[in-house]
Amino acid sequence: MPELVKQIWSLTISAIAVWGVGVFLLMFNYQRLSIEPHSLPGIVFGSALAVIIAAVAWTLGRRFLAR
């Protein structure tokens, strides 16, 4: 089980790093994308939750299919 936790942690950290770059770019380009400023917190925090769930699901799916 500790190996699974390490894999989940590693993939989650990598996914959040990529997500952070996307958020950084969004902060500077939201007007060009026609996104209202009051919508940004929902987009940022909602996508963060989605990234974390996807990282866990990806790791568990790969582990399940490898068996």
PDB file of N, CA and C in Angstrom:
ATOM      1  N   MET A   1       0.809  -1.206   0.000  1.00  0.00           N
ATOM      2  CA  MET A   1       0.000   0.000   0.000  1.00  0.00           C
ATOM      3  C   MET A   1       0.850   1.268   0.000  1.00  0.00           C
ATOM      4  N   PRO A   2       1.954   1.325   0.724  1.00  0.00           N
ATOM      5  CA  PRO A   2       2.762   2.550   0.682  1.00  0.00           C
ATOM      6  C   PRO A   2       3.266   2.884  -0.733  1.00  0.00           C
ATOM      7  N   GLU A   3       3.515   1.855  -1.535  1.00  0.00           N
ATOM      8  CA  GLU A   3       3.960   2.106  -2.917  1.00  0.00           C
ATOM      9  C   GLU A   3       2.850   2.799  -3.711  1.00  0.00           C
ATOM     10  N   LEU A   4       1.613   2.390  -3.496  1.00  0.00           N
ATOM     11  CA  LEU A   4       0.484   3.017  -4.175  1.00  0.00           C
ATOM     12  C   LEU A   4       0.344   4.480  -3.760  1.00  0.00           C
ATOM     13  N   VAL A   5       0.507   4.751  -2.487  1.00  0.00           N
ATOM     14  CA  VAL A   5       0.414   6.130  -1.995  1.00  0.00           C
ATOM     15  C   VAL A   5       1.516   6.991  -2.605  1.00  0.00           C
ATOM     16  N   LYS A   6       2.720   6.434  -2.725  1.00  0.00           N
ATOM     17  CA  LYS A   6       3.830   7.171  -3.341  1.00  0.00           C
ATOM     18  C   LYS A   6       3.540   7.473  -4.804  1.00  0.00           C
ATOM     19  N   GLN A   7       2.967   6.516  -5.514  1.00  0.00           N
ATOM     20  CA  GLN A   7       2.629   6.737  -6.922  1.00  0.00           C
ATOM     21  C   GLN A   7       1.548   7.810  -7.060  1.00  0.00           C
ATOM     22  N   ILE A   8       0.522   7.725  -6.224  1.00  0.00           N
ATOM     23  CA  ILE A   8      -0.549   8.724  -6.266  1.00  0.00           C
ATOM     24  C   ILE A   8       0.010  10.106  -5.948  1.00  0.00           C
ATOM     25  N   TRP A   9       0.837  10.192  -4.913  1.00  0.00           N
ATOM     26  CA  TRP A   9       1.421  11.473  -4.517  1.00  0.00           C
ATOM     27  C   TRP A   9       2.278  12.057  -5.646  1.00  0.00           C
ATOM     28  N   SER A  10       3.118  11.232  -6.241  1.00  0.00           N
ATOM     29  CA  SER A  10       4.009  11.694  -7.302  1.00  0.00           C
ATOM     30  C   SER A  10       3.226  12.210  -8.510  1.00  0.00           C
ATOM     31  N   LEU A  11       2.238  11.453  -8.942  1.00  0.00           N
ATOM     32  CA  LEU A  11       1.450  11.870 -10.094  1.00  0.00           C
ATOM     33  C   LEU A  11       0.607  13.104  -9.774  1.00  0.00           C
ATOM     34  N   THR A  12       0.089  13.190  -8.566  1.00  0.00           N
ATOM     35  CA  THR A  12      -0.710  14.352  -8.177  1.00  0.00           C
ATOM     36  C   THR A  12       0.146  15.620  -8.158  1.00  0.00           C
ATOM     37  N   ILE A  13       1.343  15.537  -7.628  1.00  0.00           N
ATOM     38  CA  ILE A  13       2.237  16.701  -7.596  1.00  0.00           C
ATOM     39  C   ILE A  13       2.593  17.135  -9.011  1.00  0.00           C
ATOM     40  N   SER A  14       2.883  16.183  -9.881  1.00  0.00           N
ATOM     41  CA  SER A  14       3.192  16.520 -11.275  1.00  0.00           C
ATOM     42  C   SER A  14       1.999  17.168 -11.972  1.00  0.00           C
ATOM     43  N   ALA A  15       0.817  16.620 -11.746  1.00  0.00           N
ATOM     44  CA  ALA A  15      -0.389  17.171 -12.369  1.00  0.00           C
ATOM     45  C   ALA A  15      -0.686  18.571 -11.851  1.00  0.00           C
ATOM     46  N   ILE A  16      -0.474  18.812 -10.573  1.00  0.00           N
ATOM     47  CA  ILE A  16      -0.720  20.142 -10.010  1.00  0.00           C
ATOM     48  C   ILE A  16       0.300  21.148 -10.530  1.00  0.00           C
ATOM     49  N   ALA A  17       1.524  20.708 -10.789  1.00  0.00           N
ATOM     50  CA  ALA A  17       2.522  21.616 -11.373  1.00  0.00           C
ATOM     51  C   ALA A  17       2.083  22.067 -12.763  1.00  0.00           C
ATOM     52  N   VAL A  18       1.603  21.140 -13.561  1.00  0.00           N
ATOM     53  CA  VAL A  18       1.116  21.487 -14.897  1.00  0.00           C
ATOM     54  C   VAL A  18      -0.135  22.358 -14.782  1.00  0.00           C
ATOM     55  N   TRP A  19      -1.012  22.025 -13.859  1.00  0.00           N
ATOM     56  CA  TRP A  19      -2.211  22.819 -13.625  1.00  0.00           C
ATOM     57  C   TRP A  19      -1.843  24.252 -13.234  1.00  0.00           C
ATOM     58  N   GLY A  20      -0.823  24.412 -12.409  1.00  0.00           N
ATOM     59  CA  GLY A  20      -0.380  25.733 -11.969  1.00  0.00           C
ATOM     60  C   GLY A  20       0.066  26.606 -13.131  1.00  0.00           C
ATOM     61  N   VAL A  21       0.751  26.012 -14.079  1.00  0.00           N
ATOM     62  CA  VAL A  21       1.161  26.761 -15.271  1.00  0.00           C
ATOM     63  C   VAL A  21      -0.077  27.210 -16.043  1.00  0.00           C
ATOM     64  N   GLY A  22      -1.043  26.333 -16.172  1.00  0.00           N
ATOM     65  CA  GLY A  22      -2.282  26.690 -16.850  1.00  0.00           C
ATOM     66  C   GLY A  22      -3.017  27.822 -16.146  1.00  0.00           C
ATOM     67  N   VAL A  23      -3.060  27.786 -14.830  1.00  0.00           N
ATOM     68  CA  VAL A  23      -3.706  28.855 -14.057  1.00  0.00           C
ATOM     69  C   VAL A  23      -2.941  30.163 -14.229  1.00  0.00           C
ATOM     70  N   PHE A  24      -1.628  30.100 -14.206  1.00  0.00           N
ATOM     71  CA  PHE A  24      -0.800  31.287 -14.407  1.00  0.00           C
ATOM     72  C   PHE A  24      -1.108  31.932 -15.757  1.00  0.00           C
ATOM     73  N   LEU A  25      -1.185  31.118 -16.801  1.00  0.00           N
ATOM     74  CA  LEU A  25      -1.505  31.640 -18.127  1.00  0.00           C
ATOM     75  C   LEU A  25      -2.934  32.193 -18.178  1.00  0.00           C
ATOM     76  N   LEU A  26      -3.848  31.536 -17.509  1.00  0.00           N
ATOM     77  CA  LEU A  26      -5.235  31.996 -17.479  1.00  0.00           C
ATOM     78  C   LEU A  26      -5.353  33.367 -16.825  1.00  0.00           C
ATOM     79  N   MET A  27      -4.592  33.603 -15.773  1.00  0.00           N
ATOM     80  CA  MET A  27      -4.672  34.875 -15.062  1.00  0.00           C
ATOM     81  C   MET A  27      -4.285  36.056 -15.954  1.00  0.00           C
ATOM     82  N   PHE A  28      -3.398  35.823 -16.897  1.00  0.00           N
ATOM     83  CA  PHE A  28      -2.977  36.904 -17.775  1.00  0.00           C
ATOM     84  C   PHE A  28      -3.805  36.994 -19.057  1.00  0.00           C
ATOM     85  N   ASN A  29      -4.553  35.961 -19.376  1.00  0.00           N
ATOM     86  CA  ASN A  29      -5.285  35.934 -20.638  1.00  0.00           C
ATOM     87  C   ASN A  29      -6.793  35.774 -20.492  1.00  0.00           C
ATOM     88  N   TYR A  30      -7.336  35.929 -19.313  1.00  0.00           N
ATOM     89  CA  TYR A  30      -8.762  35.676 -19.135  1.00  0.00           C
ATOM     90  C   TYR A  30      -9.626  36.667 -19.920  1.00  0.00           C
ATOM     91  N   GLN A  31      -9.167  37.897 -20.102  1.00  0.00           N
ATOM     92  CA  GLN A  31      -9.968  38.866 -20.861  1.00  0.00           C
ATOM     93  C   GLN A  31     -10.006  38.510 -22.343  1.00  0.00           C
ATOM     94  N   ARG A  32      -8.873  38.044 -22.877  1.00  0.00           N
ATOM     95  CA  ARG A  32      -8.855  37.631 -24.281  1.00  0.00           C
ATOM     96  C   ARG A  32      -9.733  36.415 -24.515  1.00  0.00           C
ATOM     97  N   LEU A  33      -9.904  35.597 -23.490  1.00  0.00           N
ATOM     98  CA  LEU A  33     -10.737  34.404 -23.599  1.00  0.00           C
ATOM     99  C   LEU A  33     -12.197  34.696 -23.261  1.00  0.00           C
ATOM    100  N   SER A  34     -12.505  35.945 -22.984  1.00  0.00           N
ATOM    101  CA  SER A  34     -13.860  36.402 -22.637  1.00  0.00           C
ATOM    102  C   SER A  34     -14.403  35.720 -21.382  1.00  0.00           C
ATOM    103  N   ILE A  35     -13.553  35.602 -20.373  1.00  0.00           N
ATOM    104  CA  ILE A  35     -13.972  35.026 -19.089  1.00  0.00           C
ATOM    105  C   ILE A  35     -14.150  36.175 -18.107  1.00  0.00           C
ATOM    106  N   GLU A  36     -15.269  36.178 -17.427  1.00  0.00           N
ATOM    107  CA  GLU A  36     -15.547  37.216 -16.426  1.00  0.00           C
ATOM    108  C   GLU A  36     -14.640  37.015 -15.211  1.00  0.00           C
ATOM    109  N   PRO A  37     -14.139  38.100 -14.615  1.00  0.00           N
ATOM    110  CA  PRO A  37     -13.248  37.971 -13.449  1.00  0.00           C
ATOM    111  C   PRO A  37     -13.878  37.234 -12.272  1.00  0.00           C
ATOM    112  N   HIS A  38     -15.192  37.382 -12.072  1.00  0.00           N
ATOM    113  CA  HIS A  38     -15.831  36.700 -10.936  1.00  0.00           C
ATOM    114  C   HIS A  38     -15.981  35.190 -11.178  1.00  0.00           C
ATOM    115  N   SER A  39     -15.722  34.717 -12.389  1.00  0.00           N
ATOM    116  CA  SER A  39     -15.781  33.288 -12.687  1.00  0.00           C
ATOM    117  C   SER A  39     -14.452  32.578 -12.426  1.00  0.00           C
ATOM    118  N   LEU A  40     -13.373  33.342 -12.289  1.00  0.00           N
ATOM    119  CA  LEU A  40     -12.053  32.734 -12.146  1.00  0.00           C
ATOM    120  C   LEU A  40     -11.893  31.840 -10.919  1.00  0.00           C
ATOM    121  N   PRO A  41     -12.356  32.228  -9.728  1.00  0.00           N
ATOM    122  CA  PRO A  41     -12.186  31.312  -8.584  1.00  0.00           C
ATOM    123  C   PRO A  41     -12.846  29.953  -8.805  1.00  0.00           C
ATOM    124  N   GLY A  42     -14.014  29.934  -9.384  1.00  0.00           N
ATOM    125  CA  GLY A  42     -14.695  28.664  -9.657  1.00  0.00           C
ATOM    126  C   GLY A  42     -13.925  27.815 -10.651  1.00  0.00           C
ATOM    127  N   ILE A  43     -13.385  28.463 -11.664  1.00  0.00           N
ATOM    128  CA  ILE A  43     -12.601  27.736 -12.669  1.00  0.00           C
ATOM    129  C   ILE A  43     -11.331  27.181 -12.049  1.00  0.00           C
ATOM    130  N   VAL A  44     -10.638  28.010 -11.277  1.00  0.00           N
ATOM    131  CA  VAL A  44      -9.358  27.600 -10.689  1.00  0.00           C
ATOM    132  C   VAL A  44      -9.550  26.472  -9.683  1.00  0.00           C
ATOM    133  N   PHE A  45     -10.435  26.663  -8.713  1.00  0.00           N
ATOM    134  CA  PHE A  45     -10.595  25.648  -7.670  1.00  0.00           C
ATOM    135  C   PHE A  45     -11.313  24.403  -8.177  1.00  0.00           C
ATOM    136  N   GLY A  46     -12.247  24.581  -9.088  1.00  0.00           N
ATOM    137  CA  GLY A  46     -12.925  23.426  -9.679  1.00  0.00           C
ATOM    138  C   GLY A  46     -11.974  22.577 -10.506  1.00  0.00           C
ATOM    139  N   SER A  47     -11.116  23.240 -11.260  1.00  0.00           N
ATOM    140  CA  SER A  47     -10.164  22.477 -12.065  1.00  0.00           C
ATOM    141  C   SER A  47      -9.099  21.817 -11.193  1.00  0.00           C
ATOM    142  N   ALA A  48      -8.746  22.438 -10.063  1.00  0.00           N
ATOM    143  CA  ALA A  48      -7.784  21.818  -9.151  1.00  0.00           C
ATOM    144  C   ALA A  48      -8.348  20.515  -8.597  1.00  0.00           C
ATOM    145  N   LEU A  49      -9.597  20.538  -8.204  1.00  0.00           N
ATOM    146  CA  LEU A  49     -10.243  19.326  -7.697  1.00  0.00           C
ATOM    147  C   LEU A  49     -10.303  18.256  -8.784  1.00  0.00           C
ATOM    148  N   ALA A  50     -10.626  18.669 -10.001  1.00  0.00           N
ATOM    149  CA  ALA A  50     -10.684  17.718 -11.117  1.00  0.00           C
ATOM    150  C   ALA A  50      -9.317  17.106 -11.399  1.00  0.00           C
ATOM    151  N   VAL A  51      -8.260  17.900 -11.309  1.00  0.00           N
ATOM    152  CA  VAL A  51      -6.899  17.400 -11.543  1.00  0.00           C
ATOM    153  C   VAL A  51      -6.518  16.377 -10.476  1.00  0.00           C
ATOM    154  N   ILE A  52      -6.840  16.639  -9.238  1.00  0.00           N
ATOM    155  CA  ILE A  52      -6.505  15.709  -8.154  1.00  0.00           C
ATOM    156  C   ILE A  52      -7.275  14.401  -8.313  1.00  0.00           C
ATOM    157  N   ILE A  53      -8.544  14.487  -8.605  1.00  0.00           N
ATOM    158  CA  ILE A  53      -9.353  13.276  -8.801  1.00  0.00           C
ATOM    159  C   ILE A  53      -8.851  12.482  -9.997  1.00  0.00           C
ATOM    160  N   ALA A  54      -8.506  13.171 -11.071  1.00  0.00           N
ATOM    161  CA  ALA A  54      -7.998  12.488 -12.267  1.00  0.00           C
ATOM    162  C   ALA A  54      -6.668  11.795 -11.996  1.00  0.00           C
ATOM    163  N   ALA A  55      -5.797  12.421 -11.228  1.00  0.00           N
ATOM    164  CA  ALA A  55      -4.502  11.812 -10.909  1.00  0.00           C
ATOM    165  C   ALA A  55      -4.685  10.532 -10.098  1.00  0.00           C
ATOM    166  N   VAL A  56      -5.576  10.572  -9.129  1.00  0.00           N
ATOM    167  CA  VAL A  56      -5.842   9.380  -8.315  1.00  0.00           C
ATOM    168  C   VAL A  56      -6.474   8.286  -9.176  1.00  0.00           C
ATOM    169  N   ALA A  57      -7.447   8.654  -9.988  1.00  0.00           N
ATOM    170  CA  ALA A  57      -8.112   7.669 -10.847  1.00  0.00           C
ATOM    171  C   ALA A  57      -7.133   7.058 -11.845  1.00  0.00           C
ATOM    172  N   TRP A  58      -6.258   7.864 -12.410  1.00  0.00           N
ATOM    173  CA  TRP A  58      -5.269   7.375 -13.374  1.00  0.00           C
ATOM    174  C   TRP A  58      -4.343   6.356 -12.710  1.00  0.00           C
ATOM    175  N   THR A  59      -3.846   6.685 -11.529  1.00  0.00           N
ATOM    176  CA  THR A  59      -2.930   5.777 -10.822  1.00  0.00           C
ATOM    177  C   THR A  59      -3.637   4.479 -10.453  1.00  0.00           C
ATOM    178  N   LEU A  60      -4.842   4.560  -9.925  1.00  0.00           N
ATOM    179  CA  LEU A  60      -5.571   3.355  -9.543  1.00  0.00           C
ATOM    180  C   LEU A  60      -5.935   2.523 -10.783  1.00  0.00           C
ATOM    181  N   GLY A  61      -6.299   3.187 -11.864  1.00  0.00           N
ATOM    182  CA  GLY A  61      -6.625   2.483 -13.107  1.00  0.00           C
ATOM    183  C   GLY A  61      -5.425   1.747 -13.683  1.00  0.00           C
ATOM    184  N   ARG A  62      -4.279   2.405 -13.691  1.00  0.00           N
ATOM    185  CA  ARG A  62      -3.061   1.746 -14.192  1.00  0.00           C
ATOM    186  C   ARG A  62      -2.691   0.552 -13.330  1.00  0.00           C
ATOM    187  N   ARG A  63      -2.838   0.707 -12.027  1.00  0.00           N
ATOM    188  CA  ARG A  63      -2.512  -0.397 -11.116  1.00  0.00           C
ATOM    189  C   ARG A  63      -3.479  -1.564 -11.327  1.00  0.00           C
ATOM    190  N   PHE A  64      -4.762  -1.267 -11.497  1.00  0.00           N
ATOM    191  CA  PHE A  64      -5.757  -2.300 -11.701  1.00  0.00           C
ATOM    192  C   PHE A  64      -5.529  -3.042 -13.024  1.00  0.00           C
ATOM    193  N   LEU A  65      -5.220  -2.295 -14.082  1.00  0.00           N
ATOM    194  CA  LEU A  65      -5.017  -2.916 -15.387  1.00  0.00           C
ATOM    195  C   LEU A  65      -3.684  -3.684 -15.478  1.00  0.00           C
ATOM    196  N   ALA A  66      -2.736  -3.344 -14.632  1.00  0.00           N
ATOM    197  CA  ALA A  66      -1.442  -4.036 -14.657  1.00  0.00           C
ATOM    198  C   ALA A  66      -1.550  -5.438 -14.042  1.00  0.00           C
ATOM    199  N   ARG A  67      -2.584  -5.682 -13.297  1.00  0.00           N
ATOM    200  CA  ARG A  67      -2.718  -7.003 -12.652  1.00  0.00           C
ATOM    201  C   ARG A  67      -3.260  -8.022 -13.570  1.00  0.00           C
TER     202      ARG A  67
END
